[in-house]
Amino acid sequence: MTFLERPFRALANVFGGVALVSLAFLMVAITLDATVRSLIDRPITGIFELSEIALVLIVFLGLGWTQMEHAHIRVDALVKLAPPPVARAMNAFSWAAAALALALLTWPSTLDALHSFQIKEFRWGYIEFPIWWAKIALAVGLWFATAQMLLYSVLALLGRDHPAASDQPTD
């Protein structure tokens, strides 16, 4: 693990922990809401709004953790057939393209998060719920994922973008 990978792993673990807590909340909240709804024929106020926010946290803060664990789905049939130098170049190009795609999402998300924070944006539903902080979390998660993809592009050029053999899944 390089000196650059350590802070990425630490940050990915923090973001992943927040994503897991959000997932646990989502599971408990939806179960309680469904139970209450079946018992008294009324939903728990605010669960829908909180569930939307939890989904944002799960997806966008979980991106980094998934990348660190090499768990994103990849089709690497051509890379496996290529000689090692070509495979490294192909991987580096793939990670750079992923970084570019994420950057194209990151910039407008950041602008939207800044605007949302400035106006202290709320979501209207059964309850008035602030969403500006979730938009900031979305932008932070995208920035982190973009930086990660750039790091993996560099690591691919150095031939270090694959997990250790002990981390590889077995068939």
N, C-alpha and C. Protein backbone atom coordinates (compact mmCIF):
# COMPACT_ATOMS: atom_id res chain seq x y z
N MET A 1 0.86 -1.19 0.00
CA MET A 1 0.00 0.00 0.00
C MET A 1 0.90 1.23 0.00
N THR A 2 0.67 2.13 -0.94
CA THR A 2 1.49 3.33 -1.04
C THR A 2 1.04 4.37 -0.02
N PHE A 3 1.90 5.37 0.17
CA PHE A 3 1.55 6.44 1.10
C PHE A 3 0.30 7.19 0.65
N LEU A 4 0.00 7.19 -0.64
CA LEU A 4 -1.22 7.82 -1.14
C LEU A 4 -2.46 6.98 -0.87
N GLU A 5 -2.28 5.67 -0.86
CA GLU A 5 -3.43 4.79 -0.65
C GLU A 5 -3.93 4.81 0.79
N ARG A 6 -3.03 5.03 1.75
CA ARG A 6 -3.43 5.02 3.16
C ARG A 6 -4.51 6.05 3.49
N PRO A 7 -4.33 7.33 3.13
CA PRO A 7 -5.39 8.28 3.44
C PRO A 7 -6.68 7.99 2.66
N PHE A 8 -6.54 7.47 1.46
CA PHE A 8 -7.74 7.11 0.69
C PHE A 8 -8.49 5.99 1.40
N ARG A 9 -7.75 5.00 1.91
CA ARG A 9 -8.38 3.89 2.62
C ARG A 9 -9.05 4.40 3.89
N ALA A 10 -8.38 5.28 4.63
CA ALA A 10 -8.96 5.81 5.87
C ALA A 10 -10.24 6.58 5.59
N LEU A 11 -10.21 7.43 4.59
CA LEU A 11 -11.39 8.21 4.24
C LEU A 11 -12.50 7.30 3.70
N ALA A 12 -12.14 6.31 2.90
CA ALA A 12 -13.13 5.36 2.40
C ALA A 12 -13.78 4.60 3.55
N ASN A 13 -13.01 4.27 4.58
CA ASN A 13 -13.57 3.58 5.74
C ASN A 13 -14.55 4.46 6.51
N VAL A 14 -14.22 5.74 6.63
CA VAL A 14 -15.14 6.67 7.31
C VAL A 14 -16.43 6.81 6.50
N PHE A 15 -16.28 7.10 5.22
CA PHE A 15 -17.47 7.24 4.36
C PHE A 15 -18.27 5.94 4.32
N GLY A 16 -17.57 4.81 4.23
CA GLY A 16 -18.25 3.51 4.22
C GLY A 16 -19.00 3.26 5.52
N GLY A 17 -18.42 3.68 6.63
CA GLY A 17 -19.10 3.54 7.92
C GLY A 17 -20.39 4.35 7.96
N VAL A 18 -20.33 5.57 7.43
CA VAL A 18 -21.54 6.40 7.37
C VAL A 18 -22.58 5.74 6.46
N ALA A 19 -22.12 5.18 5.35
CA ALA A 19 -23.04 4.49 4.44
C ALA A 19 -23.68 3.28 5.12
N LEU A 20 -22.90 2.54 5.91
CA LEU A 20 -23.45 1.38 6.62
C LEU A 20 -24.47 1.79 7.68
N VAL A 21 -24.17 2.85 8.40
CA VAL A 21 -25.13 3.34 9.40
C VAL A 21 -26.41 3.78 8.71
N SER A 22 -26.27 4.43 7.56
CA SER A 22 -27.44 4.85 6.79
C SER A 22 -28.24 3.63 6.32
N LEU A 23 -27.54 2.59 5.90
CA LEU A 23 -28.22 1.37 5.47
C LEU A 23 -28.97 0.72 6.63
N ALA A 24 -28.33 0.67 7.80
CA ALA A 24 -28.99 0.09 8.97
C ALA A 24 -30.23 0.92 9.33
N PHE A 25 -30.09 2.25 9.29
CA PHE A 25 -31.24 3.11 9.56
C PHE A 25 -32.36 2.83 8.57
N LEU A 26 -32.00 2.73 7.29
CA LEU A 26 -33.00 2.50 6.25
C LEU A 26 -33.75 1.19 6.48
N MET A 27 -33.01 0.14 6.82
CA MET A 27 -33.65 -1.16 7.06
C MET A 27 -34.61 -1.10 8.25
N VAL A 28 -34.16 -0.50 9.34
CA VAL A 28 -35.01 -0.41 10.53
C VAL A 28 -36.20 0.50 10.28
N ALA A 29 -35.96 1.64 9.66
CA ALA A 29 -37.03 2.61 9.42
C ALA A 29 -38.12 2.03 8.52
N ILE A 30 -37.72 1.38 7.44
CA ILE A 30 -38.72 0.83 6.53
C ILE A 30 -39.48 -0.32 7.19
N THR A 31 -38.79 -1.13 7.97
CA THR A 31 -39.47 -2.22 8.69
C THR A 31 -40.48 -1.66 9.68
N LEU A 32 -40.07 -0.64 10.44
CA LEU A 32 -41.00 -0.02 11.40
C LEU A 32 -42.17 0.64 10.68
N ASP A 33 -41.88 1.32 9.60
CA ASP A 33 -42.93 2.00 8.86
C ASP A 33 -43.94 0.99 8.30
N ALA A 34 -43.43 -0.09 7.74
CA ALA A 34 -44.34 -1.12 7.20
C ALA A 34 -45.17 -1.75 8.31
N THR A 35 -44.55 -1.99 9.46
CA THR A 35 -45.26 -2.59 10.59
C THR A 35 -46.34 -1.65 11.11
N VAL A 36 -45.98 -0.40 11.32
CA VAL A 36 -46.95 0.59 11.81
C VAL A 36 -48.07 0.79 10.80
N ARG A 37 -47.70 0.84 9.54
CA ARG A 37 -48.70 1.03 8.48
C ARG A 37 -49.70 -0.14 8.48
N SER A 38 -49.22 -1.35 8.69
CA SER A 38 -50.13 -2.50 8.68
C SER A 38 -50.99 -2.54 9.95
N LEU A 39 -50.48 -1.99 11.05
CA LEU A 39 -51.24 -2.02 12.30
C LEU A 39 -52.27 -0.90 12.41
N ILE A 40 -51.88 0.30 12.04
CA ILE A 40 -52.80 1.43 12.22
C ILE A 40 -53.18 2.12 10.91
N ASP A 41 -52.74 1.56 9.80
CA ASP A 41 -53.08 2.07 8.46
C ASP A 41 -52.61 3.51 8.23
N ARG A 42 -51.47 3.86 8.83
CA ARG A 42 -50.87 5.19 8.64
C ARG A 42 -49.36 5.04 8.66
N PRO A 43 -48.67 5.74 7.78
CA PRO A 43 -47.21 5.67 7.79
C PRO A 43 -46.62 6.51 8.93
N ILE A 44 -45.38 6.26 9.24
CA ILE A 44 -44.66 7.11 10.20
C ILE A 44 -44.24 8.36 9.44
N THR A 45 -44.60 9.50 9.94
CA THR A 45 -44.31 10.77 9.28
C THR A 45 -42.80 10.99 9.17
N GLY A 46 -42.35 11.30 7.97
CA GLY A 46 -40.96 11.64 7.73
C GLY A 46 -40.08 10.49 7.29
N ILE A 47 -40.55 9.26 7.39
CA ILE A 47 -39.72 8.13 7.01
C ILE A 47 -39.39 8.17 5.52
N PHE A 48 -40.35 8.54 4.70
CA PHE A 48 -40.10 8.61 3.26
C PHE A 48 -38.98 9.60 2.95
N GLU A 49 -39.05 10.78 3.55
CA GLU A 49 -38.05 11.81 3.31
C GLU A 49 -36.67 11.37 3.81
N LEU A 50 -36.62 10.75 4.99
CA LEU A 50 -35.35 10.29 5.54
C LEU A 50 -34.78 9.13 4.72
N SER A 51 -35.66 8.32 4.16
CA SER A 51 -35.21 7.21 3.32
C SER A 51 -34.53 7.72 2.06
N GLU A 52 -35.05 8.78 1.48
CA GLU A 52 -34.42 9.36 0.30
C GLU A 52 -33.00 9.83 0.62
N ILE A 53 -32.85 10.49 1.75
CA ILE A 53 -31.54 10.98 2.16
C ILE A 53 -30.60 9.81 2.45
N ALA A 54 -31.11 8.79 3.12
CA ALA A 54 -30.29 7.62 3.43
C ALA A 54 -29.77 6.96 2.16
N LEU A 55 -30.60 6.89 1.13
CA LEU A 55 -30.17 6.30 -0.13
C LEU A 55 -29.02 7.08 -0.76
N VAL A 56 -29.08 8.41 -0.68
CA VAL A 56 -27.99 9.24 -1.21
C VAL A 56 -26.70 8.92 -0.46
N LEU A 57 -26.78 8.83 0.86
CA LEU A 57 -25.59 8.55 1.66
C LEU A 57 -25.04 7.16 1.36
N ILE A 58 -25.93 6.19 1.23
CA ILE A 58 -25.50 4.81 0.96
C ILE A 58 -24.76 4.74 -0.36
N VAL A 59 -25.32 5.32 -1.39
CA VAL A 59 -24.73 5.21 -2.73
C VAL A 59 -23.46 6.04 -2.86
N PHE A 60 -23.53 7.31 -2.55
CA PHE A 60 -22.42 8.19 -2.89
C PHE A 60 -21.28 8.16 -1.87
N LEU A 61 -21.57 7.83 -0.62
CA LEU A 61 -20.48 7.67 0.33
C LEU A 61 -19.93 6.25 0.29
N GLY A 62 -20.70 5.32 -0.26
CA GLY A 62 -20.23 3.95 -0.39
C GLY A 62 -19.37 3.70 -1.62
N LEU A 63 -19.34 4.65 -2.55
CA LEU A 63 -18.54 4.49 -3.77
C LEU A 63 -17.07 4.22 -3.47
N GLY A 64 -16.51 4.99 -2.57
CA GLY A 64 -15.09 4.87 -2.26
C GLY A 64 -14.74 3.54 -1.62
N TRP A 65 -15.59 3.09 -0.74
CA TRP A 65 -15.36 1.83 -0.07
C TRP A 65 -15.40 0.68 -1.07
N THR A 66 -16.38 0.75 -1.95
CA THR A 66 -16.50 -0.28 -2.98
C THR A 66 -15.25 -0.31 -3.85
N GLN A 67 -14.73 0.85 -4.20
CA GLN A 67 -13.53 0.92 -5.02
C GLN A 67 -12.33 0.35 -4.27
N MET A 68 -12.18 0.69 -3.02
CA MET A 68 -11.03 0.19 -2.25
C MET A 68 -11.06 -1.33 -2.11
N GLU A 69 -12.24 -1.89 -2.10
CA GLU A 69 -12.37 -3.34 -1.99
C GLU A 69 -12.39 -4.02 -3.36
N HIS A 70 -12.19 -3.25 -4.41
CA HIS A 70 -12.19 -3.78 -5.79
C HIS A 70 -13.49 -4.51 -6.09
N ALA A 71 -14.59 -3.94 -5.66
CA ALA A 71 -15.89 -4.61 -5.78
C ALA A 71 -16.77 -4.05 -6.89
N HIS A 72 -16.31 -3.03 -7.60
CA HIS A 72 -17.09 -2.56 -8.74
C HIS A 72 -17.06 -3.63 -9.83
N ILE A 73 -18.13 -3.71 -10.56
CA ILE A 73 -18.20 -4.69 -11.64
C ILE A 73 -17.33 -4.22 -12.79
N ARG A 74 -16.47 -5.12 -13.28
CA ARG A 74 -15.59 -4.80 -14.39
C ARG A 74 -15.64 -5.94 -15.40
N VAL A 75 -15.60 -5.58 -16.64
CA VAL A 75 -15.47 -6.57 -17.71
C VAL A 75 -14.04 -6.46 -18.19
N ASP A 76 -13.25 -7.46 -17.88
CA ASP A 76 -11.82 -7.38 -18.17
C ASP A 76 -11.33 -8.48 -19.10
N ALA A 77 -12.20 -8.99 -19.96
CA ALA A 77 -11.82 -10.08 -20.86
C ALA A 77 -10.66 -9.66 -21.77
N LEU A 78 -10.73 -8.46 -22.34
CA LEU A 78 -9.65 -8.01 -23.23
C LEU A 78 -8.37 -7.71 -22.46
N VAL A 79 -8.51 -7.17 -21.27
CA VAL A 79 -7.33 -6.84 -20.47
C VAL A 79 -6.57 -8.12 -20.12
N LYS A 80 -7.28 -9.18 -19.81
CA LYS A 80 -6.63 -10.45 -19.46
C LYS A 80 -5.89 -11.06 -20.65
N LEU A 81 -6.31 -10.75 -21.86
CA LEU A 81 -5.66 -11.28 -23.06
C LEU A 81 -4.44 -10.46 -23.47
N ALA A 82 -4.38 -9.23 -23.00
CA ALA A 82 -3.30 -8.32 -23.43
C ALA A 82 -2.00 -8.60 -22.69
N PRO A 83 -0.88 -8.30 -23.31
CA PRO A 83 0.40 -8.40 -22.60
C PRO A 83 0.42 -7.39 -21.45
N PRO A 84 1.18 -7.64 -20.39
CA PRO A 84 1.16 -6.79 -19.20
C PRO A 84 1.30 -5.28 -19.45
N PRO A 85 2.22 -4.82 -20.28
CA PRO A 85 2.30 -3.36 -20.49
C PRO A 85 1.03 -2.80 -21.13
N VAL A 86 0.45 -3.52 -22.07
CA VAL A 86 -0.77 -3.07 -22.72
C VAL A 86 -1.93 -3.14 -21.73
N ALA A 87 -1.96 -4.19 -20.92
CA ALA A 87 -3.02 -4.31 -19.90
C ALA A 87 -2.95 -3.14 -18.92
N ARG A 88 -1.74 -2.76 -18.51
CA ARG A 88 -1.59 -1.62 -17.61
C ARG A 88 -2.13 -0.35 -18.26
N ALA A 89 -1.79 -0.15 -19.53
CA ALA A 89 -2.27 1.04 -20.25
C ALA A 89 -3.79 1.02 -20.38
N MET A 90 -4.34 -0.15 -20.67
CA MET A 90 -5.80 -0.26 -20.79
C MET A 90 -6.48 0.05 -19.46
N ASN A 91 -5.93 -0.50 -18.37
CA ASN A 91 -6.49 -0.22 -17.05
C ASN A 91 -6.38 1.26 -16.70
N ALA A 92 -5.21 1.85 -16.98
CA ALA A 92 -5.02 3.27 -16.68
C ALA A 92 -6.02 4.11 -17.47
N PHE A 93 -6.22 3.79 -18.74
CA PHE A 93 -7.19 4.51 -19.55
C PHE A 93 -8.60 4.34 -18.98
N SER A 94 -8.94 3.13 -18.57
CA SER A 94 -10.28 2.87 -18.01
C SER A 94 -10.53 3.68 -16.75
N TRP A 95 -9.53 3.69 -15.85
CA TRP A 95 -9.71 4.47 -14.61
C TRP A 95 -9.77 5.97 -14.90
N ALA A 96 -8.97 6.43 -15.86
CA ALA A 96 -9.00 7.85 -16.22
C ALA A 96 -10.35 8.21 -16.84
N ALA A 97 -10.89 7.32 -17.67
CA ALA A 97 -12.22 7.56 -18.26
C ALA A 97 -13.29 7.58 -17.18
N ALA A 98 -13.16 6.70 -16.21
CA ALA A 98 -14.11 6.69 -15.08
C ALA A 98 -14.00 8.00 -14.29
N ALA A 99 -12.77 8.47 -14.09
CA ALA A 99 -12.58 9.75 -13.39
C ALA A 99 -13.22 10.89 -14.15
N LEU A 100 -13.05 10.88 -15.46
CA LEU A 100 -13.67 11.93 -16.29
C LEU A 100 -15.19 11.87 -16.19
N ALA A 101 -15.74 10.67 -16.28
CA ALA A 101 -17.20 10.53 -16.19
C ALA A 101 -17.70 11.02 -14.83
N LEU A 102 -17.00 10.66 -13.77
CA LEU A 102 -17.40 11.13 -12.44
C LEU A 102 -17.23 12.64 -12.30
N ALA A 103 -16.16 13.18 -12.90
CA ALA A 103 -15.95 14.63 -12.84
C ALA A 103 -17.08 15.38 -13.53
N LEU A 104 -17.59 14.80 -14.62
CA LEU A 104 -18.72 15.42 -15.32
C LEU A 104 -19.97 15.45 -14.44
N LEU A 105 -20.08 14.54 -13.49
CA LEU A 105 -21.18 14.56 -12.52
C LEU A 105 -20.84 15.43 -11.31
N THR A 106 -19.57 15.44 -10.96
CA THR A 106 -19.13 16.11 -9.74
C THR A 106 -19.30 17.62 -9.81
N TRP A 107 -18.89 18.21 -10.90
CA TRP A 107 -18.92 19.67 -10.98
C TRP A 107 -20.33 20.24 -10.84
N PRO A 108 -21.32 19.79 -11.61
CA PRO A 108 -22.66 20.35 -11.42
C PRO A 108 -23.25 19.98 -10.04
N SER A 109 -22.89 18.83 -9.52
CA SER A 109 -23.37 18.46 -8.18
C SER A 109 -22.81 19.40 -7.12
N THR A 110 -21.55 19.79 -7.31
CA THR A 110 -20.93 20.72 -6.37
C THR A 110 -21.60 22.09 -6.44
N LEU A 111 -21.85 22.56 -7.65
CA LEU A 111 -22.52 23.85 -7.80
C LEU A 111 -23.92 23.81 -7.18
N ASP A 112 -24.62 22.70 -7.40
CA ASP A 112 -25.96 22.55 -6.82
C ASP A 112 -25.89 22.48 -5.30
N ALA A 113 -24.87 21.79 -4.77
CA ALA A 113 -24.71 21.70 -3.31
C ALA A 113 -24.43 23.07 -2.70
N LEU A 114 -23.59 23.86 -3.37
CA LEU A 114 -23.29 25.21 -2.87
C LEU A 114 -24.55 26.08 -2.88
N HIS A 115 -25.31 26.01 -3.96
CA HIS A 115 -26.55 26.78 -4.04
C HIS A 115 -27.54 26.31 -2.98
N SER A 116 -27.65 25.01 -2.82
CA SER A 116 -28.56 24.44 -1.84
C SER A 116 -28.19 24.90 -0.42
N PHE A 117 -26.88 24.93 -0.13
CA PHE A 117 -26.42 25.39 1.18
C PHE A 117 -26.71 26.87 1.37
N GLN A 118 -26.49 27.66 0.33
CA GLN A 118 -26.73 29.10 0.44
C GLN A 118 -28.18 29.41 0.73
N ILE A 119 -29.09 28.67 0.14
CA ILE A 119 -30.51 28.96 0.36
C ILE A 119 -31.12 28.09 1.45
N LYS A 120 -30.27 27.25 2.08
CA LYS A 120 -30.73 26.31 3.12
C LYS A 120 -31.95 25.54 2.63
N GLU A 121 -31.75 24.82 1.51
CA GLU A 121 -32.84 24.13 0.82
C GLU A 121 -33.50 23.06 1.70
N PHE A 122 -34.81 23.01 1.61
CA PHE A 122 -35.62 22.03 2.32
C PHE A 122 -36.41 21.22 1.33
N ARG A 123 -36.75 20.01 1.73
CA ARG A 123 -37.63 19.18 0.93
C ARG A 123 -39.00 19.22 1.60
N TRP A 124 -39.99 19.48 0.79
CA TRP A 124 -41.35 19.56 1.32
C TRP A 124 -42.03 18.22 1.15
N GLY A 125 -42.66 17.77 2.15
CA GLY A 125 -43.41 16.52 2.17
C GLY A 125 -44.33 16.59 3.38
N TYR A 126 -44.48 15.48 4.05
CA TYR A 126 -45.26 15.52 5.29
C TYR A 126 -44.58 16.39 6.32
N ILE A 127 -43.25 16.39 6.27
CA ILE A 127 -42.49 17.28 7.16
C ILE A 127 -41.52 18.08 6.31
N GLU A 128 -41.14 19.23 6.80
CA GLU A 128 -40.14 20.07 6.14
C GLU A 128 -38.78 19.56 6.59
N PHE A 129 -37.98 19.08 5.62
CA PHE A 129 -36.71 18.45 5.99
C PHE A 129 -35.56 19.07 5.20
N PRO A 130 -34.47 19.48 5.89
CA PRO A 130 -33.34 20.09 5.16
C PRO A 130 -32.62 19.04 4.31
N ILE A 131 -32.33 19.41 3.07
CA ILE A 131 -31.62 18.48 2.19
C ILE A 131 -30.28 19.03 1.71
N TRP A 132 -29.95 20.26 2.10
CA TRP A 132 -28.70 20.85 1.65
C TRP A 132 -27.50 20.01 2.08
N TRP A 133 -27.54 19.43 3.27
CA TRP A 133 -26.40 18.65 3.75
C TRP A 133 -26.25 17.34 2.96
N ALA A 134 -27.34 16.78 2.51
CA ALA A 134 -27.26 15.56 1.70
C ALA A 134 -26.68 15.86 0.33
N LYS A 135 -26.99 17.03 -0.21
CA LYS A 135 -26.41 17.42 -1.50
C LYS A 135 -24.90 17.65 -1.35
N ILE A 136 -24.49 18.17 -0.21
CA ILE A 136 -23.06 18.33 0.05
C ILE A 136 -22.40 16.96 0.16
N ALA A 137 -23.04 16.03 0.87
CA ALA A 137 -22.50 14.67 0.99
C ALA A 137 -22.39 14.01 -0.37
N LEU A 138 -23.36 14.23 -1.23
CA LEU A 138 -23.33 13.67 -2.59
C LEU A 138 -22.11 14.21 -3.34
N ALA A 139 -21.91 15.53 -3.28
CA ALA A 139 -20.77 16.13 -3.99
C ALA A 139 -19.45 15.65 -3.41
N VAL A 140 -19.36 15.55 -2.09
CA VAL A 140 -18.12 15.06 -1.46
C VAL A 140 -17.84 13.62 -1.89
N GLY A 141 -18.87 12.79 -1.89
CA GLY A 141 -18.70 11.41 -2.34
C GLY A 141 -18.23 11.32 -3.78
N LEU A 142 -18.77 12.18 -4.64
CA LEU A 142 -18.35 12.19 -6.04
C LEU A 142 -16.92 12.69 -6.20
N TRP A 143 -16.54 13.73 -5.45
CA TRP A 143 -15.17 14.23 -5.51
C TRP A 143 -14.19 13.14 -5.07
N PHE A 144 -14.56 12.44 -3.99
CA PHE A 144 -13.70 11.37 -3.49
C PHE A 144 -13.56 10.26 -4.53
N ALA A 145 -14.66 9.88 -5.13
CA ALA A 145 -14.62 8.82 -6.14
C ALA A 145 -13.80 9.25 -7.35
N THR A 146 -13.92 10.50 -7.75
CA THR A 146 -13.13 11.02 -8.87
C THR A 146 -11.64 10.96 -8.54
N ALA A 147 -11.28 11.42 -7.36
CA ALA A 147 -9.87 11.38 -6.95
C ALA A 147 -9.37 9.94 -6.87
N GLN A 148 -10.21 9.04 -6.40
CA GLN A 148 -9.83 7.63 -6.33
C GLN A 148 -9.55 7.06 -7.71
N MET A 149 -10.42 7.37 -8.66
CA MET A 149 -10.22 6.85 -10.01
C MET A 149 -8.93 7.39 -10.61
N LEU A 150 -8.61 8.65 -10.33
CA LEU A 150 -7.33 9.19 -10.80
C LEU A 150 -6.15 8.47 -10.15
N LEU A 151 -6.26 8.20 -8.85
CA LEU A 151 -5.22 7.45 -8.15
C LEU A 151 -5.06 6.06 -8.78
N TYR A 152 -6.16 5.40 -9.05
CA TYR A 152 -6.09 4.06 -9.63
C TYR A 152 -5.54 4.09 -11.06
N SER A 153 -5.77 5.19 -11.75
CA SER A 153 -5.18 5.33 -13.08
C SER A 153 -3.66 5.36 -12.98
N VAL A 154 -3.15 6.13 -12.04
CA VAL A 154 -1.70 6.20 -11.82
C VAL A 154 -1.17 4.85 -11.36
N LEU A 155 -1.87 4.22 -10.41
CA LEU A 155 -1.44 2.91 -9.92
C LEU A 155 -1.44 1.88 -11.05
N ALA A 156 -2.39 1.99 -11.96
CA ALA A 156 -2.44 1.06 -13.08
C ALA A 156 -1.22 1.21 -13.96
N LEU A 157 -0.81 2.46 -14.20
CA LEU A 157 0.40 2.68 -15.00
C LEU A 157 1.63 2.08 -14.33
N LEU A 158 1.60 2.07 -12.99
CA LEU A 158 2.72 1.49 -12.24
C LEU A 158 2.57 -0.02 -12.04
N GLY A 159 1.44 -0.55 -12.51
CA GLY A 159 1.20 -1.99 -12.38
C GLY A 159 0.73 -2.40 -11.00
N ARG A 160 0.14 -1.47 -10.25
CA ARG A 160 -0.25 -1.75 -8.86
C ARG A 160 -1.74 -1.57 -8.60
N ASP A 161 -2.58 -1.72 -9.60
CA ASP A 161 -4.01 -1.47 -9.40
C ASP A 161 -4.80 -2.73 -9.08
N HIS A 162 -4.14 -3.87 -8.97
CA HIS A 162 -4.85 -5.11 -8.67
C HIS A 162 -4.70 -5.45 -7.20
N PRO A 163 -5.74 -6.04 -6.59
CA PRO A 163 -5.62 -6.46 -5.19
C PRO A 163 -4.62 -7.60 -5.08
N ALA A 164 -4.15 -7.81 -3.87
CA ALA A 164 -3.23 -8.91 -3.62
C ALA A 164 -3.90 -10.22 -3.96
N ALA A 165 -3.12 -11.23 -4.27
CA ALA A 165 -3.66 -12.52 -4.68
C ALA A 165 -4.59 -13.10 -3.63
N SER A 166 -4.31 -12.85 -2.35
CA SER A 166 -5.15 -13.38 -1.28
C SER A 166 -6.51 -12.71 -1.25
N ASP A 167 -6.64 -11.53 -1.87
CA ASP A 167 -7.90 -10.81 -1.89
C ASP A 167 -8.80 -11.23 -3.06
N GLN A 168 -8.23 -11.97 -4.02
CA GLN A 168 -8.99 -12.35 -5.20
C GLN A 168 -10.07 -13.36 -4.84
N PRO A 169 -11.27 -13.21 -5.37
CA PRO A 169 -12.30 -14.21 -5.12
C PRO A 169 -11.95 -15.51 -5.82
N THR A 170 -12.38 -16.59 -5.21
CA THR A 170 -12.13 -17.90 -5.81
C THR A 170 -13.42 -18.41 -6.43
N ASP A 171 -13.28 -19.19 -7.50
CA ASP A 171 -14.45 -19.72 -8.19
C ASP A 171 -14.85 -21.05 -7.61
